[in-house]
Amino acid sequence: MKTQAGISRKKKIIELRPETEKRLRIIAVNEGYNLKSYIENVLEEIAEEDETLIALSKVPGTNDLLDPTEKENFLKFLSE
C-alpha cells in the first residue's frame, strides 16, 4: 500500500465493533501500519479498483442501483 503525501484529504469518523477494530489492528501491524493508516490505504485501493463502476455511473440511465446479483454478474463480466 502506498501513501499519498501532500494530497488534500477529508476527515471522516467511522464506528467499528470492538472485535472488528481488534482484527484490523492485528492485520495493520502485520502489514507494517498503524490502524488509521491501514484503513485509509485499504479504502484508497478499493476506490481505485472501482474506477470502471464510477465511470459507468456517469452514463445516463445508469443511476439505478444494481441488486447484488446484477453487480456480481457485472463484475464477472468485467473480469473475463
N, C-alpha and C. Protein backbone atom coordinates (compact mmCIF):
# COMPACT_ATOMS: atom_id res chain seq x y z
N MET A 1 0.84 -1.18 0.00
CA MET A 1 0.00 0.00 0.00
C MET A 1 0.88 1.24 0.00
N LYS A 2 0.40 2.25 -0.66
CA LYS A 2 1.19 3.46 -0.76
C LYS A 2 0.43 4.63 -0.12
N THR A 3 1.18 5.56 0.42
CA THR A 3 0.56 6.76 0.96
C THR A 3 0.74 7.88 -0.05
N GLN A 4 -0.15 8.84 0.01
CA GLN A 4 -0.10 9.95 -0.93
C GLN A 4 0.06 11.25 -0.15
N ALA A 5 1.31 11.63 0.09
CA ALA A 5 1.60 12.83 0.85
C ALA A 5 1.27 14.07 0.04
N GLY A 6 0.82 15.10 0.71
CA GLY A 6 0.56 16.37 0.05
C GLY A 6 -0.76 16.46 -0.67
N ILE A 7 -1.57 15.43 -0.60
CA ILE A 7 -2.87 15.44 -1.27
C ILE A 7 -3.94 15.84 -0.26
N SER A 8 -4.84 16.71 -0.69
CA SER A 8 -5.94 17.16 0.16
C SER A 8 -6.79 15.97 0.59
N ARG A 9 -7.18 15.95 1.85
CA ARG A 9 -7.96 14.84 2.39
C ARG A 9 -9.11 15.38 3.23
N LYS A 10 -10.14 14.57 3.39
CA LYS A 10 -11.27 14.89 4.26
C LYS A 10 -11.26 13.93 5.42
N LYS A 11 -11.59 14.42 6.60
CA LYS A 11 -11.69 13.57 7.78
C LYS A 11 -13.10 13.02 7.89
N LYS A 12 -13.18 11.75 8.24
CA LYS A 12 -14.45 11.08 8.46
C LYS A 12 -14.35 10.30 9.75
N ILE A 13 -15.42 10.27 10.49
CA ILE A 13 -15.47 9.48 11.71
C ILE A 13 -16.22 8.19 11.38
N ILE A 14 -15.60 7.07 11.70
CA ILE A 14 -16.25 5.78 11.48
C ILE A 14 -16.37 5.06 12.80
N GLU A 15 -17.34 4.17 12.87
CA GLU A 15 -17.53 3.36 14.07
C GLU A 15 -17.31 1.91 13.71
N LEU A 16 -16.52 1.22 14.52
CA LEU A 16 -16.24 -0.19 14.32
C LEU A 16 -16.63 -0.97 15.57
N ARG A 17 -17.07 -2.18 15.35
CA ARG A 17 -17.29 -3.06 16.51
C ARG A 17 -15.93 -3.34 17.12
N PRO A 18 -15.86 -3.54 18.43
CA PRO A 18 -14.56 -3.79 19.08
C PRO A 18 -13.80 -4.97 18.47
N GLU A 19 -14.50 -6.06 18.13
CA GLU A 19 -13.81 -7.21 17.56
C GLU A 19 -13.27 -6.91 16.16
N THR A 20 -13.99 -6.09 15.41
CA THR A 20 -13.52 -5.68 14.08
C THR A 20 -12.28 -4.81 14.21
N GLU A 21 -12.31 -3.87 15.13
CA GLU A 21 -11.18 -2.98 15.36
C GLU A 21 -9.95 -3.79 15.77
N LYS A 22 -10.13 -4.77 16.62
CA LYS A 22 -9.02 -5.60 17.08
C LYS A 22 -8.41 -6.38 15.91
N ARG A 23 -9.26 -6.98 15.09
CA ARG A 23 -8.76 -7.75 13.95
C ARG A 23 -8.03 -6.86 12.95
N LEU A 24 -8.61 -5.70 12.66
CA LEU A 24 -7.97 -4.77 11.73
C LEU A 24 -6.63 -4.27 12.27
N ARG A 25 -6.57 -4.04 13.57
CA ARG A 25 -5.32 -3.59 14.18
C ARG A 25 -4.22 -4.65 14.02
N ILE A 26 -4.59 -5.92 14.21
CA ILE A 26 -3.62 -7.01 14.05
C ILE A 26 -3.14 -7.08 12.60
N ILE A 27 -4.08 -7.00 11.66
CA ILE A 27 -3.71 -7.02 10.24
C ILE A 27 -2.80 -5.84 9.93
N ALA A 28 -3.14 -4.65 10.44
CA ALA A 28 -2.36 -3.45 10.17
C ALA A 28 -0.92 -3.61 10.66
N VAL A 29 -0.77 -4.11 11.87
CA VAL A 29 0.57 -4.28 12.43
C VAL A 29 1.37 -5.28 11.60
N ASN A 30 0.72 -6.35 11.17
CA ASN A 30 1.40 -7.34 10.33
C ASN A 30 1.82 -6.76 8.98
N GLU A 31 1.10 -5.75 8.51
CA GLU A 31 1.42 -5.09 7.25
C GLU A 31 2.39 -3.91 7.45
N GLY A 32 2.71 -3.60 8.71
CA GLY A 32 3.64 -2.51 8.99
C GLY A 32 2.99 -1.15 9.10
N TYR A 33 1.71 -1.11 9.41
CA TYR A 33 0.97 0.16 9.52
C TYR A 33 0.32 0.28 10.89
N ASN A 34 -0.05 1.52 11.24
CA ASN A 34 -0.95 1.68 12.36
C ASN A 34 -2.37 1.53 11.82
N LEU A 35 -3.35 1.40 12.68
CA LEU A 35 -4.72 1.13 12.25
C LEU A 35 -5.25 2.21 11.32
N LYS A 36 -5.07 3.46 11.67
CA LYS A 36 -5.59 4.56 10.85
C LYS A 36 -5.01 4.53 9.44
N SER A 37 -3.70 4.41 9.33
CA SER A 37 -3.06 4.37 8.01
C SER A 37 -3.51 3.17 7.20
N TYR A 38 -3.64 2.03 7.87
CA TYR A 38 -4.06 0.82 7.18
C TYR A 38 -5.45 0.99 6.57
N ILE A 39 -6.40 1.48 7.38
CA ILE A 39 -7.77 1.67 6.90
C ILE A 39 -7.79 2.68 5.75
N GLU A 40 -7.07 3.78 5.88
CA GLU A 40 -7.02 4.78 4.81
C GLU A 40 -6.50 4.17 3.51
N ASN A 41 -5.43 3.40 3.60
CA ASN A 41 -4.83 2.81 2.40
C ASN A 41 -5.73 1.76 1.78
N VAL A 42 -6.39 0.95 2.59
CA VAL A 42 -7.30 -0.06 2.06
C VAL A 42 -8.45 0.62 1.32
N LEU A 43 -9.01 1.66 1.89
CA LEU A 43 -10.12 2.37 1.25
C LEU A 43 -9.67 3.04 -0.04
N GLU A 44 -8.46 3.59 -0.07
CA GLU A 44 -7.92 4.19 -1.29
C GLU A 44 -7.80 3.14 -2.39
N GLU A 45 -7.30 1.96 -2.05
CA GLU A 45 -7.15 0.89 -3.03
C GLU A 45 -8.51 0.44 -3.58
N ILE A 46 -9.50 0.31 -2.70
CA ILE A 46 -10.83 -0.09 -3.14
C ILE A 46 -11.40 0.94 -4.10
N ALA A 47 -11.24 2.22 -3.77
CA ALA A 47 -11.77 3.28 -4.62
C ALA A 47 -11.09 3.28 -5.99
N GLU A 48 -9.80 3.02 -6.03
CA GLU A 48 -9.08 2.99 -7.31
C GLU A 48 -9.52 1.80 -8.16
N GLU A 49 -9.83 0.67 -7.53
CA GLU A 49 -10.24 -0.53 -8.26
C GLU A 49 -11.61 -0.36 -8.91
N ASP A 50 -12.45 0.48 -8.35
CA ASP A 50 -13.81 0.64 -8.84
C ASP A 50 -13.96 1.78 -9.84
N GLU A 51 -12.88 2.19 -10.50
CA GLU A 51 -12.95 3.29 -11.45
C GLU A 51 -13.92 3.01 -12.59
N THR A 52 -13.99 1.76 -13.05
CA THR A 52 -14.91 1.41 -14.13
C THR A 52 -16.35 1.61 -13.68
N LEU A 53 -16.68 1.16 -12.48
CA LEU A 53 -18.04 1.33 -11.98
C LEU A 53 -18.39 2.80 -11.82
N ILE A 54 -17.43 3.58 -11.37
CA ILE A 54 -17.67 5.02 -11.20
C ILE A 54 -17.89 5.67 -12.56
N ALA A 55 -17.09 5.30 -13.55
CA ALA A 55 -17.24 5.85 -14.90
C ALA A 55 -18.61 5.49 -15.46
N LEU A 56 -19.03 4.26 -15.26
CA LEU A 56 -20.34 3.84 -15.76
C LEU A 56 -21.48 4.56 -15.06
N SER A 57 -21.28 4.93 -13.81
CA SER A 57 -22.35 5.60 -13.07
C SER A 57 -22.64 6.99 -13.64
N LYS A 58 -21.73 7.52 -14.44
CA LYS A 58 -21.92 8.84 -15.04
C LYS A 58 -22.65 8.76 -16.38
N VAL A 59 -22.85 7.55 -16.89
CA VAL A 59 -23.56 7.35 -18.15
C VAL A 59 -25.06 7.50 -17.89
N PRO A 60 -25.78 8.27 -18.71
CA PRO A 60 -27.23 8.44 -18.49
C PRO A 60 -27.94 7.08 -18.40
N GLY A 61 -28.86 7.00 -17.45
CA GLY A 61 -29.63 5.77 -17.29
C GLY A 61 -28.97 4.73 -16.41
N THR A 62 -27.79 5.04 -15.86
CA THR A 62 -27.12 4.07 -15.01
C THR A 62 -27.14 4.46 -13.54
N ASN A 63 -27.99 5.38 -13.18
CA ASN A 63 -28.06 5.81 -11.80
C ASN A 63 -28.87 4.86 -10.92
N ASP A 64 -29.56 3.90 -11.53
CA ASP A 64 -30.31 2.93 -10.74
C ASP A 64 -29.32 1.99 -10.06
N LEU A 65 -29.58 1.70 -8.80
CA LEU A 65 -28.71 0.79 -8.06
C LEU A 65 -28.87 -0.63 -8.57
N LEU A 66 -27.76 -1.34 -8.62
CA LEU A 66 -27.79 -2.75 -9.01
C LEU A 66 -28.12 -3.59 -7.79
N ASP A 67 -28.91 -4.64 -8.01
CA ASP A 67 -29.10 -5.55 -6.90
C ASP A 67 -27.83 -6.41 -6.81
N PRO A 68 -27.62 -7.12 -5.71
CA PRO A 68 -26.36 -7.87 -5.53
C PRO A 68 -26.06 -8.85 -6.66
N THR A 69 -27.08 -9.51 -7.21
CA THR A 69 -26.86 -10.45 -8.30
C THR A 69 -26.39 -9.74 -9.55
N GLU A 70 -27.02 -8.61 -9.87
CA GLU A 70 -26.62 -7.83 -11.05
C GLU A 70 -25.18 -7.35 -10.92
N LYS A 71 -24.83 -6.86 -9.73
CA LYS A 71 -23.47 -6.38 -9.51
C LYS A 71 -22.47 -7.52 -9.66
N GLU A 72 -22.79 -8.68 -9.08
CA GLU A 72 -21.90 -9.84 -9.19
C GLU A 72 -21.71 -10.26 -10.65
N ASN A 73 -22.80 -10.31 -11.41
CA ASN A 73 -22.71 -10.67 -12.81
C ASN A 73 -21.89 -9.66 -13.61
N PHE A 74 -22.08 -8.38 -13.30
CA PHE A 74 -21.33 -7.32 -13.98
C PHE A 74 -19.84 -7.44 -13.69
N LEU A 75 -19.49 -7.66 -12.43
CA LEU A 75 -18.08 -7.78 -12.07
C LEU A 75 -17.45 -9.02 -12.72
N LYS A 76 -18.21 -10.10 -12.81
CA LYS A 76 -17.70 -11.29 -13.51
C LYS A 76 -17.45 -10.97 -14.98
N PHE A 77 -18.39 -10.24 -15.59
CA PHE A 77 -18.25 -9.84 -16.99
C PHE A 77 -16.97 -9.02 -17.20
N LEU A 78 -16.70 -8.09 -16.28
CA LEU A 78 -15.52 -7.24 -16.40
C LEU A 78 -14.23 -8.02 -16.26
N SER A 79 -14.26 -9.09 -15.48
CA SER A 79 -13.02 -9.85 -15.22
C SER A 79 -12.72 -10.87 -16.32
N GLU A 80 -13.64 -11.05 -17.27
CA GLU A 80 -13.41 -12.03 -18.35
C GLU A 80 -12.42 -11.54 -19.36
